[in-house]
C-alpha atoms as a PDB file:
ATOM      1  CA  UNK A   1     -18.553  -3.491 -10.799  1.00  0.00           C
ATOM      2  CA  UNK A   2     -15.938  -5.435  -8.884  1.00  0.00           C
ATOM      3  CA  UNK A   3     -12.237  -4.858  -9.308  1.00  0.00           C
ATOM      4  CA  UNK A   4     -11.526  -8.290 -10.750  1.00  0.00           C
ATOM      5  CA  UNK A   5     -14.270  -7.818 -13.362  1.00  0.00           C
ATOM      6  CA  UNK A   6     -12.620  -4.636 -14.635  1.00  0.00           C
ATOM      7  CA  UNK A   7      -9.241  -6.246 -15.297  1.00  0.00           C
ATOM      8  CA  UNK A   8      -8.194  -7.063 -18.795  1.00  0.00           C
ATOM      9  CA  UNK A   9      -9.332 -10.522 -19.736  1.00  0.00           C
ATOM     10  CA  UNK A  10      -5.988 -11.441 -21.304  1.00  0.00           C
ATOM     11  CA  UNK A  11      -3.867 -10.850 -18.183  1.00  0.00           C
ATOM     12  CA  UNK A  12      -1.616 -13.816 -17.472  1.00  0.00           C
ATOM     13  CA  UNK A  13      -2.635 -15.849 -14.452  1.00  0.00           C
ATOM     14  CA  UNK A  14      -0.531 -18.265 -12.451  1.00  0.00           C
ATOM     15  CA  UNK A  15      -1.715 -21.083 -10.234  1.00  0.00           C
ATOM     16  CA  UNK A  16      -0.123 -21.355  -6.809  1.00  0.00           C
ATOM     17  CA  UNK A  17      -0.266 -23.839  -3.967  1.00  0.00           C
ATOM     18  CA  UNK A  18      -0.688 -22.363  -0.510  1.00  0.00           C
ATOM     19  CA  UNK A  19      -0.411 -24.127   2.845  1.00  0.00           C
ATOM     20  CA  UNK A  20      -3.047 -22.741   5.221  1.00  0.00           C
ATOM     21  CA  UNK A  21      -4.244 -23.967   8.607  1.00  0.00           C
ATOM     22  CA  UNK A  22      -7.531 -25.859   8.281  1.00  0.00           C
ATOM     23  CA  UNK A  23      -9.496 -23.469  10.514  1.00  0.00           C
ATOM     24  CA  UNK A  24      -8.234 -20.419   8.596  1.00  0.00           C
ATOM     25  CA  UNK A  25      -9.196 -22.078   5.313  1.00  0.00           C
ATOM     26  CA  UNK A  26     -12.679 -22.856   6.650  1.00  0.00           C
ATOM     27  CA  UNK A  27     -13.224 -19.242   7.731  1.00  0.00           C
ATOM     28  CA  UNK A  28     -11.809 -17.910   4.450  1.00  0.00           C
ATOM     29  CA  UNK A  29     -14.306 -20.049   2.531  1.00  0.00           C
ATOM     30  CA  UNK A  30     -17.147 -18.592   4.619  1.00  0.00           C
ATOM     31  CA  UNK A  31     -15.931 -15.064   3.913  1.00  0.00           C
ATOM     32  CA  UNK A  32     -15.729 -15.815   0.194  1.00  0.00           C
ATOM     33  CA  UNK A  33     -19.295 -17.181   0.184  1.00  0.00           C
ATOM     34  CA  UNK A  34     -20.573 -14.120   2.075  1.00  0.00           C
ATOM     35  CA  UNK A  35     -18.941 -11.875  -0.529  1.00  0.00           C
ATOM     36  CA  UNK A  36     -20.265 -13.973  -3.406  1.00  0.00           C
ATOM     37  CA  UNK A  37     -16.748 -14.841  -4.551  1.00  0.00           C
ATOM     38  CA  UNK A  38     -14.694 -17.934  -5.049  1.00  0.00           C
ATOM     39  CA  UNK A  39     -11.913 -18.573  -2.560  1.00  0.00           C
ATOM     40  CA  UNK A  40      -9.441 -18.069  -5.390  1.00  0.00           C
ATOM     41  CA  UNK A  41     -10.939 -14.665  -6.247  1.00  0.00           C
ATOM     42  CA  UNK A  42     -10.924 -13.642  -2.567  1.00  0.00           C
ATOM     43  CA  UNK A  43      -7.263 -14.573  -2.154  1.00  0.00           C
ATOM     44  CA  UNK A  44      -6.341 -12.933  -5.447  1.00  0.00           C
ATOM     45  CA  UNK A  45      -8.118  -9.689  -4.556  1.00  0.00           C
ATOM     46  CA  UNK A  46      -6.579  -9.664  -1.070  1.00  0.00           C
ATOM     47  CA  UNK A  47      -3.082 -10.105  -2.507  1.00  0.00           C
ATOM     48  CA  UNK A  48      -3.761  -7.460  -5.144  1.00  0.00           C
ATOM     49  CA  UNK A  49      -4.742  -4.913  -2.472  1.00  0.00           C
ATOM     50  CA  UNK A  50      -1.738  -5.853  -0.317  1.00  0.00           C
ATOM     51  CA  UNK A  51       0.690  -5.434  -3.210  1.00  0.00           C
ATOM     52  CA  UNK A  52      -0.887  -2.193  -4.450  1.00  0.00           C
ATOM     53  CA  UNK A  53      -0.810  -0.677  -0.950  1.00  0.00           C
ATOM     54  CA  UNK A  54       2.786  -1.772  -0.402  1.00  0.00           C
ATOM     55  CA  UNK A  55       3.892  -0.348  -3.753  1.00  0.00           C
ATOM     56  CA  UNK A  56       2.138   2.952  -2.964  1.00  0.00           C
ATOM     57  CA  UNK A  57       3.798   3.087   0.459  1.00  0.00           C
ATOM     58  CA  UNK A  58       7.261   2.410  -1.006  1.00  0.00           C
ATOM     59  CA  UNK A  59       6.794   5.120  -3.641  1.00  0.00           C
ATOM     60  CA  UNK A  60       5.731   7.641  -0.993  1.00  0.00           C
ATOM     61  CA  UNK A  61       8.650   6.644   1.252  1.00  0.00           C
ATOM     62  CA  UNK A  62      11.096   7.039  -1.637  1.00  0.00           C
ATOM     63  CA  UNK A  63       9.675  10.483  -2.481  1.00  0.00           C
ATOM     64  CA  UNK A  64      10.109  11.591   1.123  1.00  0.00           C
ATOM     65  CA  UNK A  65      13.648  10.164   1.303  1.00  0.00           C
ATOM     66  CA  UNK A  66      14.529  12.111  -1.859  1.00  0.00           C
ATOM     67  CA  UNK A  67      13.162  15.305  -0.280  1.00  0.00           C
ATOM     68  CA  UNK A  68      15.321  14.712   2.796  1.00  0.00           C
ATOM     69  CA  UNK A  69      18.418  14.297   0.621  1.00  0.00           C
ATOM     70  CA  UNK A  70      17.635  17.375  -1.495  1.00  0.00           C
ATOM     71  CA  UNK A  71      15.270  19.591   0.483  1.00  0.00           C
ATOM     72  CA  UNK A  72      13.584  22.475  -1.299  1.00  0.00           C
ATOM     73  CA  UNK A  73      14.903  25.976  -0.628  1.00  0.00           C
ATOM     74  CA  UNK A  74      12.538  27.765   1.732  1.00  0.00           C
ATOM     75  CA  UNK A  75      14.172  31.112   1.155  1.00  0.00           C
ATOM     76  CA  UNK A  76      16.731  30.834   3.961  1.00  0.00           C
ATOM     77  CA  UNK A  77      19.546  29.354   1.864  1.00  0.00           C
ATOM     78  CA  UNK A  78      20.133  26.891   4.699  1.00  0.00           C
ATOM     79  CA  UNK A  79      20.790  29.540   7.355  1.00  0.00           C
ATOM     80  CA  UNK A  80      18.551  30.207  10.333  1.00  0.00           C
ATOM     81  CA  UNK A  81      17.828  33.935  10.470  1.00  0.00           C
ATOM     82  CA  UNK A  82      16.286  33.732  13.922  1.00  0.00           C
ATOM     83  CA  UNK A  83      17.412  32.868  17.406  1.00  0.00           C
ATOM     84  CA  UNK A  84      15.843  30.570  19.935  1.00  0.00           C
ATOM     85  CA  UNK A  85      14.855  33.590  21.974  1.00  0.00           C
ATOM     86  CA  UNK A  86      13.117  35.144  18.949  1.00  0.00           C
ATOM     87  CA  UNK A  87      11.073  32.007  18.473  1.00  0.00           C
ATOM     88  CA  UNK A  88      10.039  31.814  22.108  1.00  0.00           C
ATOM     89  CA  UNK A  89       9.427  35.537  22.534  1.00  0.00           C
ATOM     90  CA  UNK A  90      11.951  36.016  25.330  1.00  0.00           C
END
């Protein structure tokens, strides 16, 4: 089952006007036909994936930024208990 078929049927939809180069539009129509989709469905699915991926990336980036601001205690209480020589076996 395709992603757009699983969505709730009562989700609000908005119509948009998009300016696209003629050759890009022609190729996009071919892609839509090959996938058995309308051009509108192809563009909608592509935007949905783009937005979902971007949101996921931003959430992951924010989690990592929070870890940098408040790193977990690794048992050293912020103090290095080793020397450079210890680490390099000198």
